[in-house]
């Protein structure tokens, strides 16, 4: 039986920028803007404290709230899939550092 393996790929860059599409330090209860990496993109989300993320379509996406998908501090890699093209991030605590980078999968 085959076993699925996922190998993260670094986002494209020329070595002189951060390769991130979003960098921020959010306060307690604060939201990011709607971030739109697009469909079929692999996103890397790094956060210094717990966050909640709402995935959806950019035309209808509203702010994430504390009851959306919970992510403890860490680094996560997600495939946006064929339907979702945007996400919104909610910070639980003050001073939450967040970076989001992506790799198109076309």
Protein backbone atom coordinates (compact mmCIF):
# COMPACT_ATOMS: atom_id res chain seq x y z
CA UNK A 1 0.00 0.00 0.00
CA UNK A 2 1.35 3.45 -0.91
CA UNK A 3 2.02 5.93 1.86
CA UNK A 4 1.40 9.62 1.20
CA UNK A 5 4.44 11.84 1.70
CA UNK A 6 4.39 15.61 1.76
CA UNK A 7 7.61 17.54 1.22
CA UNK A 8 7.34 21.30 1.87
CA UNK A 9 8.77 23.51 -0.86
CA UNK A 10 10.22 26.94 -0.15
CA UNK A 11 8.29 29.84 -1.71
CA UNK A 12 9.84 31.46 -4.76
CA UNK A 13 12.08 34.42 -4.08
CA UNK A 14 15.29 36.04 -5.17
CA UNK A 15 16.98 35.95 -1.77
CA UNK A 16 16.43 39.63 -1.03
CA UNK A 17 12.91 39.52 0.39
CA UNK A 18 11.09 37.56 3.07
CA UNK A 19 9.05 35.45 0.63
CA UNK A 20 6.01 36.06 2.83
CA UNK A 21 2.67 37.40 1.63
CA UNK A 22 1.77 38.48 5.16
CA UNK A 23 3.84 39.49 8.20
CA UNK A 24 2.24 41.00 11.27
CA UNK A 25 2.12 41.19 15.03
CA UNK A 26 -1.52 41.03 16.07
CA UNK A 27 -3.01 42.13 19.37
CA UNK A 28 -5.41 40.10 21.49
CA UNK A 29 -8.70 39.62 19.66
CA UNK A 30 -7.34 41.19 16.46
CA UNK A 31 -7.84 39.97 12.90
CA UNK A 32 -5.63 40.00 9.85
CA UNK A 33 -6.91 41.35 6.59
CA UNK A 34 -8.41 38.75 4.26
CA UNK A 35 -5.36 37.04 2.76
CA UNK A 36 -5.75 35.59 -0.73
CA UNK A 37 -3.08 33.09 -1.77
CA UNK A 38 -5.50 31.60 -4.33
CA UNK A 39 -6.83 28.14 -5.06
CA UNK A 40 -4.50 25.15 -5.30
CA UNK A 41 -1.80 26.92 -3.31
CA UNK A 42 0.18 25.44 -0.46
CA UNK A 43 0.42 27.88 2.45
CA UNK A 44 2.84 27.89 5.36
CA UNK A 45 1.49 29.55 8.49
CA UNK A 46 3.86 30.29 11.38
CA UNK A 47 2.56 31.77 14.62
CA UNK A 48 4.21 32.55 17.95
CA UNK A 49 0.99 32.04 19.93
CA UNK A 50 -2.41 30.41 19.42
CA UNK A 51 -4.55 31.60 16.49
CA UNK A 52 -7.84 30.68 14.81
CA UNK A 53 -8.19 30.60 11.03
CA UNK A 54 -11.26 30.84 8.82
CA UNK A 55 -10.80 29.48 5.29
CA UNK A 56 -13.18 30.42 2.48
CA UNK A 57 -13.76 32.21 -0.79
CA UNK A 58 -12.54 35.79 -0.96
CA UNK A 59 -15.87 37.13 -2.22
CA UNK A 60 -17.69 36.01 0.94
CA UNK A 61 -15.02 35.58 3.63
CA UNK A 62 -15.67 37.32 6.94
CA UNK A 63 -13.36 37.76 9.95
CA UNK A 64 -12.26 34.69 11.85
CA UNK A 65 -13.44 34.32 15.44
CA UNK A 66 -12.29 32.27 18.42
CA UNK A 67 -14.48 29.30 17.43
CA UNK A 68 -12.87 28.79 13.98
CA UNK A 69 -10.07 26.27 13.32
CA UNK A 70 -7.70 26.43 16.30
CA UNK A 71 -3.92 26.37 15.79
CA UNK A 72 -1.56 26.34 18.80
CA UNK A 73 1.76 28.17 18.39
CA UNK A 74 3.83 26.50 15.67
CA UNK A 75 4.28 26.07 11.93
CA UNK A 76 1.57 24.56 9.74
CA UNK A 77 1.37 23.66 6.07
CA UNK A 78 -2.04 23.59 4.38
CA UNK A 79 -3.28 22.99 0.85
CA UNK A 80 -5.93 25.61 -0.01
CA UNK A 81 -7.71 23.07 -2.26
CA UNK A 82 -9.87 23.75 -5.31
CA UNK A 83 -12.55 25.85 -3.60
CA UNK A 84 -10.96 28.04 -0.92
CA UNK A 85 -8.83 30.94 -2.13
CA UNK A 86 -8.59 33.08 1.02
CA UNK A 87 -8.16 32.96 4.77
CA UNK A 88 -8.51 35.26 7.76
CA UNK A 89 -6.52 34.95 10.99
CA UNK A 90 -7.68 35.75 14.55
CA UNK A 91 -5.13 36.15 17.38
CA UNK A 92 -6.05 35.02 20.89
CA UNK A 93 -3.22 36.82 22.70
CA UNK A 94 -1.37 40.11 22.50
CA UNK A 95 1.86 40.23 20.51
CA UNK A 96 1.13 37.21 18.31
CA UNK A 97 3.68 37.16 15.48
CA UNK A 98 2.31 35.67 12.25
CA UNK A 99 3.91 34.98 8.89
CA UNK A 100 2.17 33.48 5.87
CA UNK A 101 3.98 32.31 2.76
CA UNK A 102 2.77 30.22 -0.17
CA UNK A 103 3.77 28.13 -3.13
CA UNK A 104 1.42 28.02 -6.17
CA UNK A 105 0.64 24.47 -7.26
CA UNK A 106 -0.25 24.86 -10.90
